[in-house]
Amino acid sequence: MNSEHVSSPAVGMSDTADHIKEARSRARSVLGGEANSGAVDDWRVVLASSRDALIVVWLVWVALWAFGYPSLSSDLLVVMSVGVAVLVGITTGRATHTQIQYYEAELERERREIREHFDDECEEVRVLYAAKGFQDPLLSQIVDTLSADEDRLLKVMMEEELGLSMHHMRHPLQVGLSNFAGALAAGLTMALPSVWLSQSSVQTWMPAIALGLLLGLSAVGSYATQRKFAEIAGASVLTAIIAGGIVFFLAQWLAGAPAASVVTDGAL
């Protein structure tokens, strides 16, 4: 440690605190962007992808319904189901790739700092654990124990300084494919029957299957997250109803026909 640190400990502590603050700000900035899809390789994200895909297909059907269900509407629903699934697969795969790249860059940055500025990194550990309420002599013992092994110190700096949890992540291709499959299954479950069923049957099928799928996904999500089923299901169903209502009446307005006339005339 140089003379400046010895003669001005307050300045050294301030510099360390500023470095930690800067590192955490950098982490928040990156994770607030494309990489922040939560734990994008978590299977629970597949549930969210499936839910979003079926809501999109539902909204497309509502718009077609409001416009009088023109020819080839069923084919359009199928095409949209595939397109949305591809979009979901690509975005989640890219998000995972971005997050992995960021983790690797931060690991390399921290490893380099530990090797080139070991004393400064140990001081950062002291500041971090002092903020947790630890005091000497226990604080010094903690710092000595953590800094005795480079990998252990690296893990601590990633988690404590940057707030990044070190966990295994699947390959971006696996993440993209799993989310694609979930979104495709949900979308086609709604869209394909419209190809085979009569127009009047589709009017009953689409709201029923949309509700059933949302409730099913909410039940699985409730079990996985230990959140209340009513909370998750209510939010999903309410979102679909509000978005569907807005799409329907906007489409009606653009078509220049009152909502009542479409039903009365039997166009649907």
Protein backbone atom coordinates (compact mmCIF):
# COMPACT_ATOMS: atom_id res chain seq x y z
CA MET A 1 0.00 0.00 0.00
CA ASN A 2 1.51 3.39 -0.94
CA SER A 3 2.03 6.41 1.33
CA GLU A 4 -1.08 8.18 0.05
CA HIS A 5 -3.25 5.36 1.34
CA VAL A 6 -1.42 5.33 4.65
CA SER A 7 -1.56 9.07 5.25
CA SER A 8 -5.11 9.52 3.97
CA PRO A 9 -7.21 6.46 4.89
CA ALA A 10 -10.42 8.42 4.47
CA VAL A 11 -9.47 9.22 0.90
CA GLY A 12 -8.70 5.55 0.23
CA MET A 13 -12.02 4.46 1.68
CA SER A 14 -13.78 7.07 -0.44
CA ASP A 15 -12.05 5.88 -3.60
CA THR A 16 -13.00 2.28 -2.81
CA ALA A 17 -16.63 3.22 -2.20
CA ASP A 18 -16.69 5.19 -5.45
CA HIS A 19 -15.25 2.20 -7.35
CA ILE A 20 -17.92 -0.11 -5.90
CA LYS A 21 -20.63 2.40 -6.75
CA GLU A 22 -19.35 2.71 -10.33
CA ALA A 23 -19.19 -1.08 -10.75
CA ARG A 24 -22.73 -1.55 -9.49
CA SER A 25 -23.97 1.25 -11.73
CA ARG A 26 -22.35 -0.48 -14.71
CA ALA A 27 -24.04 -3.75 -13.79
CA ARG A 28 -27.45 -2.09 -13.45
CA SER A 29 -27.00 -0.35 -16.79
CA VAL A 30 -26.22 -3.56 -18.67
CA LEU A 31 -28.80 -5.70 -16.89
CA GLY A 32 -31.38 -3.00 -17.47
CA GLY A 33 -31.01 -3.52 -21.20
CA GLU A 34 -31.33 -6.47 -23.51
CA ALA A 35 -29.71 -8.92 -21.11
CA ASN A 36 -32.25 -8.34 -18.40
CA SER A 37 -34.87 -10.95 -19.12
CA GLY A 38 -34.53 -12.22 -15.63
CA ALA A 39 -32.80 -15.56 -15.63
CA VAL A 40 -33.44 -15.93 -19.34
CA ASP A 41 -32.44 -19.58 -19.31
CA ASP A 42 -34.99 -20.43 -16.61
CA TRP A 43 -37.81 -22.74 -17.77
CA ARG A 44 -40.30 -20.37 -16.17
CA VAL A 45 -39.52 -17.87 -18.90
CA VAL A 46 -40.94 -20.43 -21.35
CA LEU A 47 -44.27 -20.03 -19.55
CA ALA A 48 -44.13 -16.27 -20.07
CA SER A 49 -43.22 -16.76 -23.74
CA SER A 50 -46.15 -19.13 -24.19
CA ARG A 51 -48.53 -16.71 -22.49
CA ASP A 52 -47.37 -13.76 -24.59
CA ALA A 53 -47.63 -15.76 -27.81
CA LEU A 54 -51.19 -16.88 -27.18
CA ILE A 55 -52.23 -13.34 -26.22
CA VAL A 56 -50.77 -12.03 -29.48
CA VAL A 57 -52.68 -14.68 -31.47
CA TRP A 58 -55.79 -13.81 -29.47
CA LEU A 59 -55.39 -10.12 -30.36
CA VAL A 60 -54.93 -10.92 -34.05
CA TRP A 61 -58.12 -13.00 -33.99
CA VAL A 62 -60.03 -10.22 -32.20
CA ALA A 63 -58.91 -7.74 -34.86
CA LEU A 64 -59.98 -10.11 -37.65
CA TRP A 65 -63.31 -10.66 -35.88
CA ALA A 66 -63.87 -6.91 -35.69
CA PHE A 67 -63.08 -6.54 -39.40
CA GLY A 68 -65.62 -9.21 -40.30
CA TYR A 69 -63.31 -12.22 -40.42
CA PRO A 70 -62.15 -11.84 -44.04
CA SER A 71 -61.05 -14.78 -46.17
CA LEU A 72 -57.76 -16.49 -45.27
CA SER A 73 -58.10 -15.26 -41.67
CA SER A 74 -57.46 -18.76 -40.34
CA ASP A 75 -54.31 -19.06 -42.44
CA LEU A 76 -53.17 -15.70 -41.13
CA LEU A 77 -53.59 -16.90 -37.54
CA VAL A 78 -51.42 -19.93 -38.22
CA VAL A 79 -48.75 -17.83 -39.93
CA MET A 80 -48.79 -15.34 -37.05
CA SER A 81 -48.42 -18.15 -34.53
CA VAL A 82 -45.26 -19.35 -36.24
CA GLY A 83 -43.92 -15.82 -36.69
CA VAL A 84 -44.45 -14.88 -33.04
CA ALA A 85 -42.79 -18.11 -31.91
CA VAL A 86 -39.75 -17.39 -34.09
CA LEU A 87 -39.58 -13.85 -32.71
CA VAL A 88 -39.76 -15.09 -29.11
CA GLY A 89 -37.11 -17.73 -29.77
CA ILE A 90 -34.70 -15.25 -31.33
CA THR A 91 -35.15 -12.56 -28.66
CA THR A 92 -34.71 -14.91 -25.70
CA GLY A 93 -31.73 -16.58 -27.36
CA ARG A 94 -30.09 -13.22 -28.04
CA ALA A 95 -30.83 -12.05 -24.49
CA THR A 96 -29.09 -15.13 -23.10
CA HIS A 97 -26.13 -14.61 -25.43
CA THR A 98 -25.85 -10.96 -24.34
CA GLN A 99 -26.00 -11.92 -20.68
CA ILE A 100 -23.33 -14.60 -21.08
CA GLN A 101 -21.05 -12.16 -22.90
CA TYR A 102 -21.54 -9.61 -20.13
CA TYR A 103 -20.80 -12.16 -17.40
CA GLU A 104 -17.65 -13.29 -19.20
CA ALA A 105 -16.46 -9.70 -19.63
CA GLU A 106 -17.03 -8.90 -15.96
CA LEU A 107 -15.33 -12.11 -14.86
CA GLU A 108 -12.28 -11.23 -16.91
CA ARG A 109 -12.33 -7.63 -15.63
CA GLU A 110 -12.52 -8.75 -11.99
CA ARG A 111 -9.88 -11.43 -12.46
CA ARG A 112 -7.52 -8.85 -13.98
CA GLU A 113 -8.17 -6.41 -11.14
CA ILE A 114 -7.49 -9.09 -8.53
CA ARG A 115 -4.16 -9.96 -10.15
CA GLU A 116 -3.06 -6.38 -10.80
CA HIS A 117 -4.59 -4.57 -7.80
CA PHE A 118 -4.88 -7.24 -5.15
CA ASP A 119 -4.64 -4.86 -2.17
CA ASP A 120 -7.37 -2.63 -3.59
CA GLU A 121 -9.67 -5.62 -4.12
CA CYS A 122 -9.09 -6.74 -0.53
CA GLU A 123 -9.96 -3.25 0.63
CA GLU A 124 -13.17 -3.43 -1.36
CA VAL A 125 -14.06 -6.68 0.40
CA ARG A 126 -13.40 -4.97 3.74
CA VAL A 127 -15.69 -2.08 2.80
CA LEU A 128 -18.42 -4.42 1.57
CA TYR A 129 -18.44 -6.55 4.71
CA ALA A 130 -18.04 -3.57 7.02
CA ALA A 131 -21.24 -2.26 5.46
CA LYS A 132 -22.89 -5.52 6.54
CA GLY A 133 -22.01 -4.73 10.16
CA PHE A 134 -18.86 -6.84 10.62
CA GLN A 135 -16.08 -5.36 12.77
CA ASP A 136 -12.51 -6.29 13.64
CA PRO A 137 -11.13 -8.74 14.49
CA LEU A 138 -13.82 -10.80 12.72
CA LEU A 139 -13.81 -8.44 9.73
CA SER A 140 -10.08 -8.96 9.15
CA GLN A 141 -10.50 -12.72 9.45
CA ILE A 142 -13.23 -12.65 6.80
CA VAL A 143 -11.09 -10.58 4.44
CA ASP A 144 -8.07 -12.85 4.94
CA THR A 145 -10.15 -15.99 4.38
CA LEU A 146 -11.86 -14.72 1.22
CA SER A 147 -8.68 -13.29 -0.30
CA ALA A 148 -6.66 -16.47 0.31
CA ASP A 149 -8.12 -18.09 -2.80
CA GLU A 150 -8.41 -16.25 -6.13
CA ASP A 151 -11.51 -18.09 -7.33
CA ARG A 152 -13.27 -17.53 -4.01
CA LEU A 153 -12.39 -13.84 -4.07
CA LEU A 154 -13.54 -13.59 -7.69
CA LYS A 155 -16.91 -15.12 -6.80
CA VAL A 156 -17.33 -12.74 -3.86
CA MET A 157 -16.53 -9.68 -5.96
CA MET A 158 -18.96 -10.71 -8.69
CA GLU A 159 -21.78 -11.31 -6.24
CA GLU A 160 -21.13 -8.65 -3.61
CA GLU A 161 -19.75 -5.84 -5.74
CA LEU A 162 -21.73 -6.29 -8.95
CA GLY A 163 -24.76 -8.14 -7.59
CA LEU A 164 -24.35 -10.86 -10.22
CA SER A 165 -25.26 -14.36 -9.12
CA MET A 166 -22.93 -16.97 -10.51
CA HIS A 167 -25.07 -19.76 -11.93
CA HIS A 168 -25.02 -22.21 -14.77
CA MET A 169 -26.63 -20.95 -17.95
CA ARG A 170 -27.79 -23.02 -20.88
CA HIS A 171 -26.56 -22.40 -24.40
CA PRO A 172 -28.43 -19.52 -26.10
CA LEU A 173 -29.58 -21.92 -28.83
CA GLN A 174 -31.19 -24.19 -26.22
CA VAL A 175 -32.90 -21.20 -24.60
CA GLY A 176 -34.16 -19.91 -27.94
CA LEU A 177 -35.45 -23.31 -29.05
CA SER A 178 -37.27 -24.01 -25.76
CA ASN A 179 -39.00 -20.63 -25.81
CA PHE A 180 -39.79 -21.06 -29.50
CA ALA A 181 -41.37 -24.45 -28.80
CA GLY A 182 -43.47 -23.14 -25.93
CA ALA A 183 -44.69 -20.11 -27.88
CA LEU A 184 -45.39 -22.22 -30.98
CA ALA A 185 -47.39 -24.79 -29.03
CA ALA A 186 -49.53 -22.13 -27.37
CA GLY A 187 -50.11 -20.19 -30.58
CA LEU A 188 -50.95 -23.18 -32.76
CA THR A 189 -53.28 -24.62 -30.13
CA MET A 190 -55.39 -21.54 -30.66
CA ALA A 191 -54.85 -21.03 -34.37
CA LEU A 192 -55.05 -24.50 -35.97
CA PRO A 193 -58.66 -25.31 -34.99
CA SER A 194 -59.77 -22.17 -36.82
CA VAL A 195 -58.66 -23.88 -40.05
CA TRP A 196 -60.95 -26.86 -39.52
CA LEU A 197 -63.89 -25.49 -37.53
CA SER A 198 -66.81 -23.52 -38.88
CA GLN A 199 -66.82 -19.77 -38.43
CA SER A 200 -69.51 -19.91 -35.75
CA SER A 201 -67.60 -22.61 -33.85
CA VAL A 202 -64.41 -20.54 -33.96
CA GLN A 203 -66.22 -17.71 -32.17
CA THR A 204 -66.76 -20.06 -29.23
CA TRP A 205 -63.45 -21.88 -29.47
CA MET A 206 -61.09 -18.90 -29.44
CA PRO A 207 -62.28 -17.25 -26.20
CA ALA A 208 -62.65 -20.64 -24.51
CA ILE A 209 -59.22 -21.98 -25.42
CA ALA A 210 -57.56 -18.63 -24.70
CA LEU A 211 -59.06 -18.63 -21.22
CA GLY A 212 -58.21 -22.28 -20.67
CA LEU A 213 -54.59 -21.85 -21.73
CA LEU A 214 -54.12 -18.73 -19.64
CA LEU A 215 -55.52 -20.49 -16.58
CA GLY A 216 -53.35 -23.55 -17.24
CA LEU A 217 -50.17 -21.52 -17.64
CA SER A 218 -51.08 -19.50 -14.55
CA ALA A 219 -51.51 -22.69 -12.54
CA VAL A 220 -48.06 -23.96 -13.55
CA GLY A 221 -46.56 -20.53 -12.91
CA SER A 222 -48.18 -20.38 -9.49
CA TYR A 223 -46.70 -23.74 -8.57
CA ALA A 224 -43.25 -22.76 -9.86
CA THR A 225 -43.06 -19.35 -8.19
CA GLN A 226 -45.15 -20.03 -5.08
CA ARG A 227 -47.30 -17.02 -5.93
CA LYS A 228 -51.06 -17.04 -5.60
CA PHE A 229 -52.86 -18.57 -8.58
CA ALA A 230 -55.61 -15.92 -8.46
CA GLU A 231 -53.01 -13.17 -8.69
CA ILE A 232 -51.23 -14.59 -11.73
CA ALA A 233 -54.39 -15.74 -13.51
CA GLY A 234 -56.21 -12.49 -12.81
CA ALA A 235 -53.37 -10.41 -14.25
CA SER A 236 -53.09 -12.56 -17.39
CA VAL A 237 -56.82 -12.74 -18.09
CA LEU A 238 -57.33 -9.05 -17.36
CA THR A 239 -54.48 -8.17 -19.71
CA ALA A 240 -56.01 -10.26 -22.50
CA ILE A 241 -59.46 -8.72 -21.95
CA ILE A 242 -58.26 -5.12 -21.83
CA ALA A 243 -55.92 -5.49 -24.82
CA GLY A 244 -58.57 -7.44 -26.74
CA GLY A 245 -61.22 -4.81 -26.03
CA ILE A 246 -58.98 -1.99 -27.21
CA VAL A 247 -58.05 -3.88 -30.38
CA PHE A 248 -61.68 -4.75 -31.12
CA PHE A 249 -63.09 -1.25 -30.77
CA LEU A 250 -60.12 0.33 -32.54
CA ALA A 251 -60.60 -2.07 -35.45
CA GLN A 252 -64.31 -1.31 -35.47
CA TRP A 253 -63.61 2.40 -35.53
CA LEU A 254 -61.11 2.01 -38.38
CA ALA A 255 -63.57 -0.17 -40.30
CA GLY A 256 -66.20 2.55 -39.91
CA ALA A 257 -68.84 0.19 -38.47
CA PRO A 258 -70.33 0.23 -34.96
CA ALA A 259 -69.60 -2.83 -32.84
CA ALA A 260 -73.28 -3.77 -32.73
CA SER A 261 -73.68 -3.90 -36.49
CA VAL A 262 -71.09 -6.65 -36.94
CA VAL A 263 -72.92 -9.00 -34.60
CA THR A 264 -76.40 -8.01 -35.78
CA ASP A 265 -75.62 -8.44 -39.47
CA GLY A 266 -74.22 -11.90 -38.83
CA ALA A 267 -70.89 -11.01 -40.42
CA LEU A 268 -69.14 -13.01 -37.77
